[in-house]
Amino acid sequence: MRSEKEVYDIVLNFAKTDKRIRMVTLEGSRTNTNIPPDDFQDFDITFFCYGYGQLHK
């Protein structure tokens, strides 16, 4: 399994190399400091981009 840093690096590198992606955000329990970390936390990631039709195909 990948570490948290590896996942962040993969996501950010992907976003940096695709000019259609304008912004990446992380939501969910990983952003809430009131929720203790656990082994079942996932990565709720949103990509904001131009050219949705091209990405959707």
N, C-alpha and C. Protein backbone atom coordinates (compact mmCIF):
# COMPACT_ATOMS: atom_id res chain seq x y z
N MET A 1 0.84 -1.18 0.00
CA MET A 1 0.00 0.00 0.00
C MET A 1 0.89 1.24 0.00
N ARG A 2 0.43 2.28 -0.67
CA ARG A 2 1.22 3.52 -0.75
C ARG A 2 1.06 4.34 0.52
N SER A 3 2.09 5.08 0.83
CA SER A 3 2.03 5.99 1.98
C SER A 3 1.21 7.22 1.61
N GLU A 4 0.83 7.98 2.62
CA GLU A 4 0.07 9.21 2.40
C GLU A 4 0.86 10.17 1.51
N LYS A 5 2.15 10.30 1.77
CA LYS A 5 2.99 11.19 0.96
C LYS A 5 3.04 10.73 -0.50
N GLU A 6 3.15 9.42 -0.72
CA GLU A 6 3.18 8.91 -2.09
C GLU A 6 1.89 9.24 -2.84
N VAL A 7 0.75 9.09 -2.18
CA VAL A 7 -0.53 9.41 -2.82
C VAL A 7 -0.60 10.89 -3.16
N TYR A 8 -0.22 11.74 -2.20
CA TYR A 8 -0.22 13.19 -2.47
C TYR A 8 0.71 13.52 -3.64
N ASP A 9 1.88 12.92 -3.66
CA ASP A 9 2.83 13.18 -4.75
C ASP A 9 2.27 12.76 -6.11
N ILE A 10 1.63 11.61 -6.17
CA ILE A 10 1.04 11.12 -7.42
C ILE A 10 -0.04 12.08 -7.90
N VAL A 11 -0.92 12.48 -7.00
CA VAL A 11 -2.02 13.38 -7.36
C VAL A 11 -1.48 14.72 -7.83
N LEU A 12 -0.55 15.30 -7.07
CA LEU A 12 -0.02 16.62 -7.42
C LEU A 12 0.79 16.57 -8.71
N ASN A 13 1.58 15.53 -8.90
CA ASN A 13 2.34 15.41 -10.15
C ASN A 13 1.41 15.26 -11.36
N PHE A 14 0.35 14.49 -11.20
CA PHE A 14 -0.64 14.34 -12.27
C PHE A 14 -1.25 15.70 -12.61
N ALA A 15 -1.64 16.44 -11.58
CA ALA A 15 -2.27 17.75 -11.80
C ALA A 15 -1.30 18.75 -12.43
N LYS A 16 -0.05 18.69 -12.04
CA LYS A 16 0.94 19.63 -12.59
C LYS A 16 1.26 19.35 -14.05
N THR A 17 1.12 18.11 -14.49
CA THR A 17 1.49 17.76 -15.86
C THR A 17 0.34 17.88 -16.85
N ASP A 18 -0.88 18.04 -16.37
CA ASP A 18 -2.04 18.18 -17.26
C ASP A 18 -2.53 19.63 -17.19
N LYS A 19 -2.32 20.37 -18.26
CA LYS A 19 -2.65 21.80 -18.27
C LYS A 19 -4.15 22.07 -18.16
N ARG A 20 -4.98 21.06 -18.38
CA ARG A 20 -6.42 21.26 -18.24
C ARG A 20 -6.84 21.37 -16.78
N ILE A 21 -6.03 20.84 -15.87
CA ILE A 21 -6.36 20.87 -14.45
C ILE A 21 -5.93 22.21 -13.87
N ARG A 22 -6.88 22.91 -13.29
CA ARG A 22 -6.62 24.24 -12.74
C ARG A 22 -6.40 24.22 -11.24
N MET A 23 -7.02 23.27 -10.54
CA MET A 23 -6.92 23.23 -9.09
C MET A 23 -7.24 21.82 -8.59
N VAL A 24 -6.61 21.44 -7.49
CA VAL A 24 -6.88 20.17 -6.84
C VAL A 24 -7.20 20.46 -5.38
N THR A 25 -8.26 19.83 -4.87
CA THR A 25 -8.59 20.02 -3.46
C THR A 25 -8.74 18.67 -2.77
N LEU A 26 -8.52 18.68 -1.48
CA LEU A 26 -8.72 17.50 -0.64
C LEU A 26 -9.85 17.81 0.32
N GLU A 27 -10.84 16.94 0.39
CA GLU A 27 -11.97 17.10 1.29
C GLU A 27 -12.05 15.91 2.22
N GLY A 28 -13.04 15.93 3.09
CA GLY A 28 -13.33 14.77 3.91
C GLY A 28 -12.57 14.72 5.21
N SER A 29 -12.53 13.52 5.78
CA SER A 29 -11.99 13.34 7.13
C SER A 29 -10.51 13.67 7.24
N ARG A 30 -9.76 13.57 6.16
CA ARG A 30 -8.33 13.90 6.23
C ARG A 30 -8.09 15.39 6.46
N THR A 31 -9.07 16.22 6.17
CA THR A 31 -8.91 17.66 6.36
C THR A 31 -9.48 18.14 7.69
N ASN A 32 -10.18 17.28 8.40
CA ASN A 32 -10.83 17.66 9.65
C ASN A 32 -9.95 17.23 10.82
N THR A 33 -9.37 18.19 11.52
CA THR A 33 -8.47 17.88 12.63
C THR A 33 -9.21 17.32 13.84
N ASN A 34 -10.54 17.40 13.86
CA ASN A 34 -11.33 16.84 14.96
C ASN A 34 -11.58 15.35 14.80
N ILE A 35 -11.25 14.80 13.65
CA ILE A 35 -11.44 13.37 13.40
C ILE A 35 -10.08 12.68 13.51
N PRO A 36 -9.95 11.73 14.43
CA PRO A 36 -8.66 11.03 14.55
C PRO A 36 -8.38 10.16 13.33
N PRO A 37 -7.13 10.11 12.88
CA PRO A 37 -6.77 9.27 11.73
C PRO A 37 -7.03 7.79 12.01
N ASP A 38 -7.41 7.06 10.98
CA ASP A 38 -7.55 5.61 11.11
C ASP A 38 -7.14 4.95 9.79
N ASP A 39 -7.06 3.63 9.81
CA ASP A 39 -6.59 2.88 8.65
C ASP A 39 -7.57 2.88 7.48
N PHE A 40 -8.79 3.32 7.69
CA PHE A 40 -9.82 3.25 6.65
C PHE A 40 -10.10 4.59 5.98
N GLN A 41 -9.33 5.62 6.32
CA GLN A 41 -9.53 6.92 5.68
C GLN A 41 -9.14 6.84 4.22
N ASP A 42 -9.99 7.39 3.37
CA ASP A 42 -9.67 7.44 1.95
C ASP A 42 -9.25 8.86 1.58
N PHE A 43 -8.95 9.06 0.32
CA PHE A 43 -8.54 10.37 -0.18
C PHE A 43 -9.68 10.93 -1.03
N ASP A 44 -10.38 11.90 -0.49
CA ASP A 44 -11.47 12.56 -1.22
C ASP A 44 -10.87 13.73 -1.98
N ILE A 45 -10.57 13.51 -3.25
CA ILE A 45 -9.86 14.50 -4.06
C ILE A 45 -10.77 14.98 -5.18
N THR A 46 -10.76 16.30 -5.40
CA THR A 46 -11.52 16.90 -6.49
C THR A 46 -10.57 17.63 -7.42
N PHE A 47 -10.74 17.39 -8.72
CA PHE A 47 -9.97 18.11 -9.73
C PHE A 47 -10.90 19.12 -10.40
N PHE A 48 -10.47 20.37 -10.44
CA PHE A 48 -11.19 21.42 -11.17
C PHE A 48 -10.42 21.65 -12.46
N CYS A 49 -11.13 21.56 -13.59
CA CYS A 49 -10.40 21.59 -14.85
C CYS A 49 -11.18 22.28 -15.96
N TYR A 50 -10.43 22.58 -17.02
CA TYR A 50 -10.99 23.06 -18.27
C TYR A 50 -11.17 21.85 -19.18
N GLY A 51 -12.09 21.94 -20.11
CA GLY A 51 -12.23 20.89 -21.11
C GLY A 51 -12.81 19.61 -20.56
N TYR A 52 -13.88 19.71 -19.77
CA TYR A 52 -14.49 18.52 -19.18
C TYR A 52 -14.82 17.47 -20.23
N GLY A 53 -15.32 17.90 -21.38
CA GLY A 53 -15.68 16.96 -22.43
C GLY A 53 -14.50 16.10 -22.86
N GLN A 54 -13.32 16.67 -22.91
CA GLN A 54 -12.12 15.92 -23.30
C GLN A 54 -11.74 14.91 -22.22
N LEU A 55 -11.91 15.28 -20.96
CA LEU A 55 -11.56 14.37 -19.87
C LEU A 55 -12.59 13.27 -19.70
N HIS A 56 -13.81 13.54 -20.05
CA HIS A 56 -14.90 12.60 -19.84
C HIS A 56 -14.88 11.46 -20.86
N LYS A 57 -14.30 11.66 -22.02
CA LYS A 57 -14.32 10.66 -23.09
C LYS A 57 -13.47 9.47 -22.77
